[in-house]
Amino acid sequence: MKEKFIPLVTMLSAGLVTCLICIFKPMDTIPSLISLLITLIVFYILGCIAKKIIKKQVDKANREAEERANHEEYLRLKEQEEREEAERAAKEAAAAAGEESAS
């Protein structure tokens, strides 16, 4: 779900519950509208706070995953360079040994 819908869904869900309560518990129109307005405002603010918290946690998890992937790539490249260096050293040692035996 897109993060911009979190405050809206939260607000509208709370508004639906408030409307149902006002319908089943007979209330006059003005007090029920005032309670609906207050509920919508409060739950919109709560939804915005929840959106920020969720977004912060998701960004943190994405950043950690990216750092982990970069570190794994670094280790893989370092291991590959070490293997290539060992192969190069082995070839040089074999070439040096071949030159000594040829002498």
N, C-alpha and C. Protein backbone atom coordinates (compact mmCIF):
# COMPACT_ATOMS: atom_id res chain seq x y z
N MET A 1 0.85 -1.17 0.00
CA MET A 1 0.00 0.00 0.00
C MET A 1 0.90 1.24 0.00
N LYS A 2 0.49 2.21 -0.71
CA LYS A 2 1.25 3.46 -0.74
C LYS A 2 1.12 4.15 0.61
N GLU A 3 2.20 4.80 1.02
CA GLU A 3 2.19 5.41 2.35
C GLU A 3 1.26 6.61 2.44
N LYS A 4 0.93 7.23 1.30
CA LYS A 4 0.05 8.40 1.38
C LYS A 4 -1.39 8.02 1.75
N PHE A 5 -1.73 6.73 1.62
CA PHE A 5 -3.09 6.30 1.94
C PHE A 5 -3.26 5.93 3.42
N ILE A 6 -2.19 5.82 4.17
CA ILE A 6 -2.28 5.41 5.57
C ILE A 6 -3.12 6.39 6.39
N PRO A 7 -2.87 7.72 6.33
CA PRO A 7 -3.71 8.62 7.12
C PRO A 7 -5.17 8.62 6.66
N LEU A 8 -5.37 8.50 5.35
CA LEU A 8 -6.73 8.53 4.83
C LEU A 8 -7.53 7.31 5.26
N VAL A 9 -6.92 6.14 5.16
CA VAL A 9 -7.61 4.91 5.55
C VAL A 9 -7.89 4.92 7.05
N THR A 10 -6.92 5.37 7.83
CA THR A 10 -7.11 5.45 9.28
C THR A 10 -8.26 6.40 9.62
N MET A 11 -8.26 7.56 9.01
CA MET A 11 -9.28 8.56 9.29
C MET A 11 -10.66 8.06 8.87
N LEU A 12 -10.76 7.50 7.67
CA LEU A 12 -12.07 7.06 7.19
C LEU A 12 -12.60 5.86 7.96
N SER A 13 -11.71 4.99 8.41
CA SER A 13 -12.14 3.84 9.22
C SER A 13 -12.71 4.32 10.56
N ALA A 14 -12.01 5.26 11.19
CA ALA A 14 -12.51 5.81 12.44
C ALA A 14 -13.81 6.57 12.23
N GLY A 15 -13.93 7.26 11.10
CA GLY A 15 -15.16 7.97 10.79
C GLY A 15 -16.33 7.02 10.59
N LEU A 16 -16.06 5.88 9.96
CA LEU A 16 -17.12 4.88 9.76
C LEU A 16 -17.60 4.34 11.10
N VAL A 17 -16.66 4.03 11.98
CA VAL A 17 -17.03 3.53 13.31
C VAL A 17 -17.83 4.58 14.07
N THR A 18 -17.41 5.83 13.98
CA THR A 18 -18.14 6.91 14.65
C THR A 18 -19.54 7.06 14.10
N CYS A 19 -19.69 6.98 12.80
CA CYS A 19 -21.03 7.08 12.19
C CYS A 19 -21.92 5.94 12.64
N LEU A 20 -21.37 4.73 12.66
CA LEU A 20 -22.17 3.58 13.08
C LEU A 20 -22.59 3.71 14.55
N ILE A 21 -21.69 4.20 15.38
CA ILE A 21 -22.04 4.40 16.80
C ILE A 21 -23.14 5.46 16.92
N CYS A 22 -23.02 6.54 16.15
CA CYS A 22 -24.02 7.61 16.21
C CYS A 22 -25.38 7.14 15.69
N ILE A 23 -25.37 6.21 14.73
CA ILE A 23 -26.64 5.69 14.19
C ILE A 23 -27.30 4.75 15.18
N PHE A 24 -26.52 3.80 15.72
CA PHE A 24 -27.10 2.79 16.59
C PHE A 24 -27.39 3.31 18.00
N LYS A 25 -26.67 4.32 18.42
CA LYS A 25 -26.95 4.98 19.69
C LYS A 25 -27.56 6.33 19.31
N PRO A 26 -28.85 6.44 19.34
CA PRO A 26 -29.50 7.65 18.80
C PRO A 26 -28.92 8.93 19.39
N MET A 27 -28.38 9.73 18.47
CA MET A 27 -27.82 11.03 18.84
C MET A 27 -28.44 12.08 17.93
N ASP A 28 -28.46 13.29 18.40
CA ASP A 28 -28.93 14.39 17.55
C ASP A 28 -27.90 14.65 16.46
N THR A 29 -28.31 15.36 15.44
CA THR A 29 -27.46 15.57 14.27
C THR A 29 -26.22 16.40 14.59
N ILE A 30 -26.39 17.51 15.24
CA ILE A 30 -25.26 18.41 15.50
C ILE A 30 -24.20 17.75 16.39
N PRO A 31 -24.58 17.15 17.52
CA PRO A 31 -23.54 16.50 18.33
C PRO A 31 -22.84 15.35 17.60
N SER A 32 -23.58 14.61 16.78
CA SER A 32 -22.96 13.51 16.05
C SER A 32 -21.99 14.04 14.98
N LEU A 33 -22.34 15.16 14.34
CA LEU A 33 -21.44 15.76 13.35
C LEU A 33 -20.19 16.33 14.02
N ILE A 34 -20.36 16.92 15.19
CA ILE A 34 -19.20 17.45 15.92
C ILE A 34 -18.27 16.31 16.33
N SER A 35 -18.85 15.22 16.84
CA SER A 35 -18.01 14.08 17.23
C SER A 35 -17.34 13.45 16.01
N LEU A 36 -18.04 13.44 14.88
CA LEU A 36 -17.44 12.91 13.64
C LEU A 36 -16.28 13.79 13.19
N LEU A 37 -16.45 15.10 13.24
CA LEU A 37 -15.39 16.02 12.84
C LEU A 37 -14.16 15.87 13.73
N ILE A 38 -14.38 15.82 15.03
CA ILE A 38 -13.26 15.65 15.97
C ILE A 38 -12.55 14.33 15.72
N THR A 39 -13.33 13.27 15.51
CA THR A 39 -12.75 11.95 15.24
C THR A 39 -11.91 11.96 13.97
N LEU A 40 -12.43 12.58 12.91
CA LEU A 40 -11.70 12.63 11.64
C LEU A 40 -10.38 13.39 11.80
N ILE A 41 -10.40 14.50 12.50
CA ILE A 41 -9.18 15.29 12.68
C ILE A 41 -8.16 14.53 13.51
N VAL A 42 -8.60 13.96 14.64
CA VAL A 42 -7.68 13.25 15.52
C VAL A 42 -7.06 12.04 14.81
N PHE A 43 -7.89 11.26 14.12
CA PHE A 43 -7.35 10.07 13.47
C PHE A 43 -6.54 10.39 12.22
N TYR A 44 -6.79 11.54 11.59
CA TYR A 44 -5.93 11.95 10.48
C TYR A 44 -4.53 12.28 11.01
N ILE A 45 -4.47 12.97 12.14
CA ILE A 45 -3.18 13.30 12.76
C ILE A 45 -2.46 12.03 13.18
N LEU A 46 -3.19 11.09 13.81
CA LEU A 46 -2.59 9.82 14.21
C LEU A 46 -2.09 9.03 12.99
N GLY A 47 -2.85 9.08 11.90
CA GLY A 47 -2.43 8.41 10.67
C GLY A 47 -1.17 9.02 10.09
N CYS A 48 -1.05 10.34 10.17
CA CYS A 48 0.18 11.01 9.69
C CYS A 48 1.38 10.60 10.53
N ILE A 49 1.18 10.52 11.84
CA ILE A 49 2.27 10.08 12.71
C ILE A 49 2.66 8.64 12.40
N ALA A 50 1.66 7.79 12.22
CA ALA A 50 1.93 6.38 11.88
C ALA A 50 2.66 6.27 10.55
N LYS A 51 2.27 7.10 9.58
CA LYS A 51 2.93 7.09 8.26
C LYS A 51 4.41 7.45 8.39
N LYS A 52 4.71 8.46 9.20
CA LYS A 52 6.11 8.86 9.38
C LYS A 52 6.92 7.76 10.05
N ILE A 53 6.33 7.12 11.05
CA ILE A 53 7.03 6.05 11.75
C ILE A 53 7.28 4.87 10.81
N ILE A 54 6.27 4.49 10.06
CA ILE A 54 6.40 3.36 9.13
C ILE A 54 7.42 3.68 8.05
N LYS A 55 7.34 4.88 7.49
CA LYS A 55 8.28 5.28 6.44
C LYS A 55 9.72 5.28 6.97
N LYS A 56 9.90 5.76 8.19
CA LYS A 56 11.24 5.79 8.80
C LYS A 56 11.78 4.37 8.96
N GLN A 57 10.94 3.45 9.42
CA GLN A 57 11.37 2.07 9.62
C GLN A 57 11.67 1.38 8.28
N VAL A 58 10.86 1.63 7.28
CA VAL A 58 11.09 1.03 5.96
C VAL A 58 12.36 1.58 5.34
N ASP A 59 12.58 2.88 5.45
CA ASP A 59 13.81 3.48 4.93
C ASP A 59 15.04 2.92 5.64
N LYS A 60 14.93 2.73 6.95
CA LYS A 60 16.04 2.17 7.72
C LYS A 60 16.33 0.74 7.27
N ALA A 61 15.28 -0.06 7.08
CA ALA A 61 15.46 -1.44 6.64
C ALA A 61 16.06 -1.49 5.23
N ASN A 62 15.61 -0.61 4.34
CA ASN A 62 16.16 -0.57 2.99
C ASN A 62 17.63 -0.15 3.00
N ARG A 63 17.96 0.82 3.84
CA ARG A 63 19.34 1.28 3.94
C ARG A 63 20.25 0.16 4.47
N GLU A 64 19.78 -0.56 5.50
CA GLU A 64 20.56 -1.67 6.04
C GLU A 64 20.75 -2.78 5.02
N ALA A 65 19.70 -3.07 4.25
CA ALA A 65 19.80 -4.10 3.22
C ALA A 65 20.78 -3.69 2.13
N GLU A 66 20.77 -2.42 1.78
CA GLU A 66 21.70 -1.91 0.76
C GLU A 66 23.13 -1.97 1.27
N GLU A 67 23.33 -1.58 2.53
CA GLU A 67 24.68 -1.65 3.10
C GLU A 67 25.17 -3.09 3.17
N ARG A 68 24.28 -4.02 3.53
CA ARG A 68 24.65 -5.43 3.59
C ARG A 68 25.03 -5.95 2.19
N ALA A 69 24.25 -5.56 1.19
CA ALA A 69 24.55 -5.98 -0.18
C ALA A 69 25.88 -5.40 -0.65
N ASN A 70 26.13 -4.13 -0.33
CA ASN A 70 27.40 -3.51 -0.70
C ASN A 70 28.57 -4.19 -0.01
N HIS A 71 28.40 -4.55 1.25
CA HIS A 71 29.46 -5.21 1.99
C HIS A 71 29.73 -6.61 1.41
N GLU A 72 28.67 -7.33 1.06
CA GLU A 72 28.84 -8.66 0.45
C GLU A 72 29.55 -8.55 -0.90
N GLU A 73 29.21 -7.54 -1.67
CA GLU A 73 29.86 -7.32 -2.96
C GLU A 73 31.34 -6.99 -2.76
N TYR A 74 31.63 -6.16 -1.75
CA TYR A 74 33.02 -5.81 -1.43
C TYR A 74 33.80 -7.07 -1.05
N LEU A 75 33.22 -7.91 -0.20
CA LEU A 75 33.90 -9.14 0.22
C LEU A 75 34.13 -10.08 -0.96
N ARG A 76 33.14 -10.16 -1.85
CA ARG A 76 33.27 -11.02 -3.02
C ARG A 76 34.39 -10.53 -3.92
N LEU A 77 34.46 -9.23 -4.16
CA LEU A 77 35.51 -8.66 -5.01
C LEU A 77 36.88 -8.82 -4.36
N LYS A 78 36.95 -8.63 -3.06
CA LYS A 78 38.22 -8.78 -2.35
C LYS A 78 38.70 -10.23 -2.43
N GLU A 79 37.80 -11.18 -2.27
CA GLU A 79 38.15 -12.59 -2.36
C GLU A 79 38.63 -12.94 -3.77
N GLN A 80 37.96 -12.37 -4.77
CA GLN A 80 38.35 -12.61 -6.15
C GLN A 80 39.75 -12.04 -6.42
N GLU A 81 40.04 -10.85 -5.92
CA GLU A 81 41.36 -10.25 -6.10
C GLU A 81 42.44 -11.09 -5.41
N GLU A 82 42.13 -11.60 -4.23
CA GLU A 82 43.10 -12.44 -3.51
C GLU A 82 43.39 -13.73 -4.28
N ARG A 83 42.34 -14.33 -4.87
CA ARG A 83 42.55 -15.53 -5.69
C ARG A 83 43.41 -15.23 -6.91
N GLU A 84 43.11 -14.11 -7.57
CA GLU A 84 43.89 -13.73 -8.74
C GLU A 84 45.35 -13.48 -8.37
N GLU A 85 45.57 -12.83 -7.23
CA GLU A 85 46.93 -12.57 -6.76
C GLU A 85 47.65 -13.87 -6.45
N ALA A 86 46.93 -14.82 -5.82
CA ALA A 86 47.54 -16.12 -5.51
C ALA A 86 47.88 -16.88 -6.80
N GLU A 87 47.00 -16.82 -7.79
CA GLU A 87 47.27 -17.47 -9.08
C GLU A 87 48.48 -16.83 -9.75
N ARG A 88 48.55 -15.50 -9.72
CA ARG A 88 49.67 -14.79 -10.30
C ARG A 88 50.98 -15.17 -9.61
N ALA A 89 50.94 -15.25 -8.29
CA ALA A 89 52.13 -15.61 -7.53
C ALA A 89 52.55 -17.05 -7.84
N ALA A 90 51.56 -17.94 -7.99
CA ALA A 90 51.87 -19.34 -8.31
C ALA A 90 52.48 -19.44 -9.71
N LYS A 91 51.98 -18.67 -10.65
CA LYS A 91 52.54 -18.69 -12.01
C LYS A 91 53.97 -18.15 -12.01
N GLU A 92 54.18 -17.07 -11.25
CA GLU A 92 55.53 -16.50 -11.17
C GLU A 92 56.49 -17.48 -10.51
N ALA A 93 56.02 -18.17 -9.49
CA ALA A 93 56.88 -19.16 -8.81
C ALA A 93 57.16 -20.31 -9.75
N ALA A 94 56.17 -20.75 -10.51
CA ALA A 94 56.39 -21.84 -11.46
C ALA A 94 57.33 -21.40 -12.57
N ALA A 95 57.21 -20.15 -13.03
CA ALA A 95 58.10 -19.65 -14.06
C ALA A 95 59.52 -19.53 -13.52
N ALA A 96 59.66 -19.07 -12.29
CA ALA A 96 60.97 -18.94 -11.67
C ALA A 96 61.59 -20.33 -11.47
N ALA A 97 60.78 -21.30 -11.07
CA ALA A 97 61.27 -22.67 -10.88
C ALA A 97 61.69 -23.28 -12.23
N GLY A 98 60.94 -22.95 -13.28
CA GLY A 98 61.28 -23.45 -14.61
C GLY A 98 62.57 -22.85 -15.12
N GLU A 99 62.83 -21.59 -14.81
CA GLU A 99 64.05 -20.93 -15.23
C GLU A 99 65.26 -21.52 -14.48
N GLU A 100 65.09 -21.82 -13.22
CA GLU A 100 66.17 -22.40 -12.41
C GLU A 100 66.52 -23.80 -12.88
N SER A 101 65.50 -24.58 -13.22
CA SER A 101 65.78 -25.94 -13.69
C SER A 101 66.37 -25.93 -15.09
N ALA A 102 66.08 -24.89 -15.87
CA ALA A 102 66.65 -24.79 -17.19
C ALA A 102 68.13 -24.36 -17.13
N SER A 103 68.54 -23.74 -16.06
CA SER A 103 69.91 -23.27 -15.93
C SER A 103 70.87 -24.35 -15.60
